[in-house]
């Protein structure tokens, strides 16, 4: 598989165009939900995880997000505890997005991530890198591009 054309075009888009307000709002909404449910998660890590959700769902516009309430593109698990209720479109199906967020943290727990991994963004990324969440070798780079674009858009709004 060859992933770099998308990454290259994503880099260009992130540098040229400021992030749309609706995309900023999506990331903020997911990030707030994360820190509400899991207060031990630092705001930086919550924003990064919300950017991961933005990548997985096209900022909440994907069919899997809208129909399955699946904020992270999670597959239906067979070997771990889950909040998913069924499988649809080859992905886990949830009653609501909140259950999807909780399931993401169940997945993290299953993959031996502890509360300490959610305090520091560098530690989180380091641990996440080895979790085999996504086979795409540029997956973290894509999330990071969205994260940096989100953070620079927030800085522009405050100035």
Protein backbone atom coordinates (compact mmCIF):
# COMPACT_ATOMS: atom_id res chain seq x y z
CA UNK A 1 0.00 0.00 0.00
CA UNK A 2 1.17 3.50 -0.79
CA UNK A 3 -0.05 6.19 1.63
CA UNK A 4 2.12 9.19 0.93
CA UNK A 5 0.06 11.00 -1.73
CA UNK A 6 -2.67 11.60 0.84
CA UNK A 7 -0.15 12.68 3.44
CA UNK A 8 1.48 15.08 0.99
CA UNK A 9 -1.86 16.62 0.00
CA UNK A 10 -2.90 16.81 3.67
CA UNK A 11 0.31 18.73 4.44
CA UNK A 12 -0.44 21.18 1.66
CA UNK A 13 -4.06 21.65 2.75
CA UNK A 14 -3.06 22.14 6.40
CA UNK A 15 -0.47 24.79 5.46
CA UNK A 16 -2.52 26.73 2.93
CA UNK A 17 -6.03 26.71 4.36
CA UNK A 18 -6.96 27.60 7.91
CA UNK A 19 -9.11 24.99 9.59
CA UNK A 20 -12.84 25.52 9.07
CA UNK A 21 -14.82 26.54 12.14
CA UNK A 22 -17.05 23.46 11.95
CA UNK A 23 -13.92 21.26 12.03
CA UNK A 24 -12.57 23.18 15.02
CA UNK A 25 -15.93 22.77 16.74
CA UNK A 26 -15.95 19.01 16.07
CA UNK A 27 -12.50 18.59 17.64
CA UNK A 28 -13.42 20.77 20.63
CA UNK A 29 -16.65 18.81 21.19
CA UNK A 30 -14.89 15.42 21.18
CA UNK A 31 -12.06 16.77 23.34
CA UNK A 32 -14.50 18.13 25.94
CA UNK A 33 -16.32 14.79 26.05
CA UNK A 34 -13.00 12.99 26.60
CA UNK A 35 -11.92 15.21 29.50
CA UNK A 36 -15.42 15.06 31.01
CA UNK A 37 -15.51 11.25 31.02
CA UNK A 38 -11.81 10.82 31.79
CA UNK A 39 -10.54 13.75 33.90
CA UNK A 40 -7.05 12.21 34.15
CA UNK A 41 -6.48 12.91 30.43
CA UNK A 42 -4.50 16.10 29.84
CA UNK A 43 -6.06 18.69 27.51
CA UNK A 44 -3.22 18.19 25.00
CA UNK A 45 -3.77 14.43 24.83
CA UNK A 46 -7.55 14.93 24.64
CA UNK A 47 -7.10 17.30 21.70
CA UNK A 48 -4.78 14.81 20.00
CA UNK A 49 -7.28 11.96 20.46
CA UNK A 50 -10.05 14.25 19.16
CA UNK A 51 -7.89 14.94 16.09
CA UNK A 52 -7.57 11.19 15.63
CA UNK A 53 -11.37 11.04 15.66
CA UNK A 54 -11.46 13.87 13.11
CA UNK A 55 -9.18 11.87 10.81
CA UNK A 56 -11.18 8.66 11.25
CA UNK A 57 -14.57 10.29 10.66
CA UNK A 58 -13.81 13.18 8.31
CA UNK A 59 -14.76 15.53 11.15
CA UNK A 60 -17.96 13.63 11.88
CA UNK A 61 -19.12 13.48 8.28
CA UNK A 62 -18.44 9.79 7.54
CA UNK A 63 -21.28 7.32 7.18
CA UNK A 64 -19.78 5.10 9.89
CA UNK A 65 -19.81 8.05 12.30
CA UNK A 66 -23.31 9.20 11.42
CA UNK A 67 -24.98 5.79 11.31
CA UNK A 68 -22.88 3.78 13.78
CA UNK A 69 -22.01 6.66 16.15
CA UNK A 70 -18.44 5.40 15.80
CA UNK A 71 -16.02 8.25 16.51
CA UNK A 72 -12.80 6.26 15.95
CA UNK A 73 -13.45 3.82 13.11
CA UNK A 74 -13.30 0.95 15.61
CA UNK A 75 -13.99 -2.57 14.42
CA UNK A 76 -16.30 -4.75 16.51
CA UNK A 77 -14.05 -6.40 19.11
CA UNK A 78 -14.23 -10.10 19.87
CA UNK A 79 -11.58 -10.42 22.60
CA UNK A 80 -12.14 -7.46 24.92
CA UNK A 81 -14.80 -5.63 26.88
CA UNK A 82 -16.74 -3.20 24.69
CA UNK A 83 -19.62 -0.73 24.71
CA UNK A 84 -20.42 -1.59 21.07
CA UNK A 85 -23.87 -3.11 20.60
CA UNK A 86 -23.46 -4.65 17.15
CA UNK A 87 -21.55 -4.50 13.90
CA UNK A 88 -22.59 -2.55 10.83
CA UNK A 89 -20.61 -1.57 7.73
CA UNK A 90 -17.78 -3.76 9.04
CA UNK A 91 -17.38 -1.43 12.07
CA UNK A 92 -18.59 -1.36 15.65
CA UNK A 93 -22.02 0.16 16.17
CA UNK A 94 -22.81 2.18 19.31
CA UNK A 95 -25.94 3.62 20.87
CA UNK A 96 -24.25 7.04 20.87
CA UNK A 97 -20.91 8.78 20.38
CA UNK A 98 -20.29 8.82 24.13
CA UNK A 99 -20.25 5.00 24.14
CA UNK A 100 -17.77 5.11 21.27
CA UNK A 101 -15.43 7.37 23.26
CA UNK A 102 -15.68 5.08 26.28
CA UNK A 103 -14.92 2.09 24.04
CA UNK A 104 -11.79 3.84 22.74
CA UNK A 105 -10.52 3.98 26.31
CA UNK A 106 -11.48 0.34 26.86
CA UNK A 107 -9.33 -0.44 23.83
CA UNK A 108 -6.48 1.62 25.33
CA UNK A 109 -6.80 -0.29 28.60
CA UNK A 110 -6.82 -3.61 26.74
CA UNK A 111 -3.61 -2.51 25.02
CA UNK A 112 -1.92 -1.90 28.38
CA UNK A 113 -2.15 1.87 28.44
CA UNK A 114 -2.42 3.28 31.95
CA UNK A 115 -3.64 6.62 33.30
CA UNK A 116 -0.05 7.84 33.25
CA UNK A 117 0.06 7.46 29.46
CA UNK A 118 -2.62 10.15 29.11
CA UNK A 119 -0.88 12.92 31.05
CA UNK A 120 1.94 13.75 28.65
CA UNK A 121 1.38 13.96 24.88
CA UNK A 122 4.85 12.65 24.03
CA UNK A 123 4.33 9.61 26.27
CA UNK A 124 0.90 8.98 24.78
CA UNK A 125 2.22 9.12 21.21
CA UNK A 126 5.16 6.90 22.11
CA UNK A 127 2.89 4.25 23.62
CA UNK A 128 0.28 4.59 20.88
CA UNK A 129 2.93 4.06 18.20
CA UNK A 130 3.39 0.46 19.32
CA UNK A 131 -0.30 -0.35 19.77
CA UNK A 132 -0.93 -1.39 16.15
CA UNK A 133 -4.12 0.70 16.05
CA UNK A 134 -3.75 1.34 12.33
CA UNK A 135 -1.46 -0.34 9.77
CA UNK A 136 -0.92 2.94 7.87
CA UNK A 137 2.74 3.90 8.49
CA UNK A 138 1.88 7.60 8.21
CA UNK A 139 -1.16 7.43 10.52
CA UNK A 140 0.44 9.36 13.40
CA UNK A 141 1.84 11.92 10.97
CA UNK A 142 -1.68 12.54 9.62
CA UNK A 143 -3.08 13.01 13.13
CA UNK A 144 -0.19 15.31 13.97
CA UNK A 145 -0.90 17.47 10.90
CA UNK A 146 -4.52 17.86 11.97
CA UNK A 147 -3.43 18.54 15.57
CA UNK A 148 -0.97 21.25 14.51
CA UNK A 149 -3.54 22.83 12.21
CA UNK A 150 -6.10 22.77 15.04
CA UNK A 151 -3.66 24.34 17.51
CA UNK A 152 -2.60 27.06 15.07
CA UNK A 153 -6.26 27.82 14.31
CA UNK A 154 -6.91 28.16 18.04
CA UNK A 155 -3.93 30.50 18.36
CA UNK A 156 -5.24 32.65 15.51
CA UNK A 157 -8.64 32.90 17.20
CA UNK A 158 -7.11 34.10 20.45
CA UNK A 159 -4.93 36.74 18.77
